[in-house]
Amino acid sequence: MSAPAKKTYMRAGELARAAGVSTDTLRHYERKGVLPKPRRSPNGYREYASESLARVLLVRRALAFGFTLDELARVLRARERGGAPCREVRALAAEKLAGVEARLRELASLRDELRATLDEWDSRLSKTAAGGRARLLESLAARERGDGGNNPGHEWRGRKK
């Protein structure tokens, strides 16, 4: 019969390097509750259980998917209390997807607006003498005002005070 495996620990710097984060990040994760507080060695060094690496990697991947540390802390606490927060995790992921899809729509709209603006600017530039000003940036403000960019945007000049 073999003896139970001895639990191994990693110092903060070792864990940070292995996970690709800083030791400050580890401390932040501890404060937020997504990483258990480590034990302290006799000389005061923070020592993390070997499974802490998997936890940090899980947190980093979840953050990349848009989860917040507060959301992760809530889910992980529920899990550690014996709960099964799978439906909550799924609902949170659905919210993240909805946000990404909304952002994609915004980006597509911005892309279309940029294309139209570049077309307009190309037209302006083709009618502008070399070295002349086409007032491209001013046309952005005119678009915002809704006059289609036809107003040169410098009506404030020449006004008497």
Protein backbone atom coordinates (compact mmCIF):
# COMPACT_ATOMS: atom_id res chain seq x y z
CA MET A 1 0.00 0.00 0.00
CA SER A 2 1.48 3.32 -1.02
CA ALA A 3 1.38 6.48 1.03
CA PRO A 4 -1.01 9.24 -0.09
CA ALA A 5 0.53 11.71 -2.49
CA LYS A 6 2.04 14.71 -0.77
CA LYS A 7 0.35 17.97 -1.73
CA THR A 8 2.71 20.24 -3.61
CA TYR A 9 2.74 24.00 -3.40
CA MET A 10 3.96 26.75 -5.65
CA ARG A 11 5.22 30.13 -4.59
CA ALA A 12 3.47 33.19 -6.00
CA GLY A 13 6.19 33.92 -8.55
CA GLU A 14 6.16 30.34 -9.82
CA LEU A 15 2.39 30.30 -10.18
CA ALA A 16 2.37 33.71 -11.84
CA ARG A 17 4.98 32.63 -14.39
CA ALA A 18 3.22 29.32 -15.10
CA ALA A 19 -0.13 31.09 -15.60
CA GLY A 20 1.24 34.05 -17.56
CA VAL A 21 0.09 36.68 -15.05
CA SER A 22 1.76 38.94 -12.51
CA THR A 23 1.90 38.34 -8.78
CA ASP A 24 -0.22 41.49 -8.45
CA THR A 25 -2.87 39.75 -10.56
CA LEU A 26 -2.81 36.78 -8.20
CA ARG A 27 -3.33 39.07 -5.22
CA HIS A 28 -6.18 40.79 -7.08
CA TYR A 29 -7.80 37.43 -7.83
CA GLU A 30 -7.54 36.58 -4.12
CA ARG A 31 -9.18 39.87 -3.11
CA LYS A 32 -12.00 39.32 -5.63
CA GLY A 33 -12.57 35.78 -4.37
CA VAL A 34 -11.76 33.82 -7.52
CA LEU A 35 -8.54 32.38 -6.11
CA PRO A 36 -8.39 30.93 -2.61
CA LYS A 37 -6.04 32.64 -0.16
CA PRO A 38 -2.76 30.74 -0.16
CA ARG A 39 -1.08 29.29 2.86
CA ARG A 40 1.96 31.07 4.25
CA SER A 41 5.34 29.43 4.58
CA PRO A 42 7.27 29.89 7.84
CA ASN A 43 9.17 32.78 6.22
CA GLY A 44 5.93 34.46 5.04
CA TYR A 45 5.92 33.50 1.37
CA ARG A 46 2.54 32.85 -0.21
CA GLU A 47 2.29 29.21 -1.26
CA TYR A 48 -0.48 28.07 -3.57
CA ALA A 49 -1.82 24.55 -3.86
CA SER A 50 -0.93 22.89 -7.15
CA GLU A 51 -4.57 23.10 -8.35
CA SER A 52 -4.34 26.90 -8.21
CA LEU A 53 -2.77 26.91 -11.67
CA ALA A 54 -5.88 25.33 -13.16
CA ARG A 55 -8.03 27.90 -11.33
CA VAL A 56 -6.02 30.87 -12.63
CA LEU A 57 -6.15 29.50 -16.18
CA LEU A 58 -9.93 28.99 -15.84
CA VAL A 59 -10.33 32.59 -14.64
CA ARG A 60 -8.22 33.97 -17.49
CA ARG A 61 -10.20 32.03 -20.09
CA ALA A 62 -13.53 33.08 -18.56
CA LEU A 63 -12.38 36.72 -18.54
CA ALA A 64 -11.51 36.41 -22.23
CA PHE A 65 -15.12 35.28 -22.82
CA GLY A 66 -16.37 38.43 -21.11
CA PHE A 67 -17.15 37.16 -17.63
CA THR A 68 -16.32 39.59 -14.84
CA LEU A 69 -14.37 38.71 -11.73
CA ASP A 70 -17.46 39.43 -9.62
CA GLU A 71 -19.55 37.03 -11.71
CA LEU A 72 -16.85 34.36 -11.49
CA ALA A 73 -16.49 34.81 -7.73
CA ARG A 74 -20.25 34.34 -7.28
CA VAL A 75 -20.31 31.21 -9.45
CA LEU A 76 -17.19 29.71 -7.90
CA ARG A 77 -18.49 30.33 -4.36
CA ALA A 78 -21.72 28.55 -5.25
CA ARG A 79 -19.74 25.65 -6.70
CA GLU A 80 -17.50 25.42 -3.63
CA ARG A 81 -20.60 25.30 -1.39
CA GLY A 82 -21.69 22.21 -3.32
CA GLY A 83 -24.04 24.00 -5.69
CA ALA A 84 -24.35 23.49 -9.42
CA PRO A 85 -24.44 26.99 -10.93
CA CYS A 86 -24.44 25.63 -14.49
CA ARG A 87 -27.67 27.36 -15.50
CA GLU A 88 -26.39 30.67 -14.17
CA VAL A 89 -23.13 30.22 -16.09
CA ARG A 90 -25.11 29.43 -19.23
CA ALA A 91 -27.34 32.50 -18.75
CA LEU A 92 -24.28 34.71 -18.22
CA ALA A 93 -22.67 33.33 -21.38
CA ALA A 94 -25.89 34.03 -23.31
CA GLU A 95 -25.73 37.65 -22.07
CA LYS A 96 -22.12 37.86 -23.25
CA LEU A 97 -23.12 36.56 -26.68
CA ALA A 98 -25.97 39.07 -26.92
CA GLY A 99 -23.51 41.84 -26.08
CA VAL A 100 -21.03 40.65 -28.69
CA GLU A 101 -23.78 40.46 -31.32
CA ALA A 102 -24.92 44.00 -30.46
CA ARG A 103 -21.34 45.23 -30.71
CA LEU A 104 -20.95 43.49 -34.08
CA ARG A 105 -24.05 45.31 -35.34
CA GLU A 106 -22.59 48.60 -34.12
CA LEU A 107 -19.29 47.82 -35.82
CA ALA A 108 -21.03 46.88 -39.08
CA SER A 109 -22.88 50.19 -38.97
CA LEU A 110 -19.64 52.05 -38.29
CA ARG A 111 -17.97 50.16 -41.17
CA ASP A 112 -20.76 51.21 -43.53
CA GLU A 113 -20.54 54.81 -42.35
CA LEU A 114 -16.76 54.81 -42.81
CA ARG A 115 -17.12 53.42 -46.34
CA ALA A 116 -19.65 56.13 -47.23
CA THR A 117 -17.43 58.79 -45.69
CA LEU A 118 -14.40 57.60 -47.63
CA ASP A 119 -16.44 57.64 -50.85
CA GLU A 120 -17.55 61.21 -50.08
CA TRP A 121 -14.00 62.23 -49.24
CA ASP A 122 -12.66 60.68 -52.45
CA SER A 123 -15.22 62.77 -54.36
CA ARG A 124 -14.20 65.93 -52.47
CA LEU A 125 -10.51 65.23 -53.04
CA SER A 126 -11.04 64.66 -56.76
CA LYS A 127 -12.53 68.18 -56.94
CA THR A 128 -9.83 69.80 -54.78
CA ALA A 129 -6.74 71.32 -56.32
CA ALA A 130 -3.39 69.86 -55.28
CA GLY A 131 -2.38 71.45 -51.99
CA GLY A 132 -5.92 72.72 -51.44
CA ARG A 133 -8.05 71.94 -48.44
CA ALA A 134 -11.02 69.62 -48.88
CA ARG A 135 -12.19 70.15 -45.28
CA LEU A 136 -12.57 66.42 -44.70
CA LEU A 137 -12.69 66.55 -40.91
CA GLU A 138 -15.11 69.46 -40.98
CA SER A 139 -17.45 67.33 -43.08
CA LEU A 140 -17.72 64.92 -40.15
CA ALA A 141 -19.21 67.64 -37.96
CA ALA A 142 -21.52 68.65 -40.81
CA ARG A 143 -22.72 65.02 -41.09
CA GLU A 144 -23.49 65.06 -37.37
CA ARG A 145 -25.55 68.24 -37.82
CA GLY A 146 -27.43 66.52 -40.62
CA ASP A 147 -26.60 68.90 -43.45
CA GLY A 148 -24.92 66.10 -45.40
CA GLY A 149 -21.52 67.71 -45.28
CA ASN A 150 -22.41 70.41 -47.80
CA ASN A 151 -21.90 73.20 -45.29
CA PRO A 152 -18.16 73.89 -45.10
CA GLY A 153 -18.40 74.03 -41.31
CA HIS A 154 -16.66 77.36 -40.90
CA GLU A 155 -19.63 79.71 -40.61
CA TRP A 156 -18.19 81.00 -37.34
CA ARG A 157 -15.36 82.69 -39.22
CA GLY A 158 -15.77 86.31 -40.09
CA ARG A 159 -18.36 87.00 -37.45
CA LYS A 160 -17.98 90.31 -35.69
CA LYS A 161 -17.89 90.23 -31.91
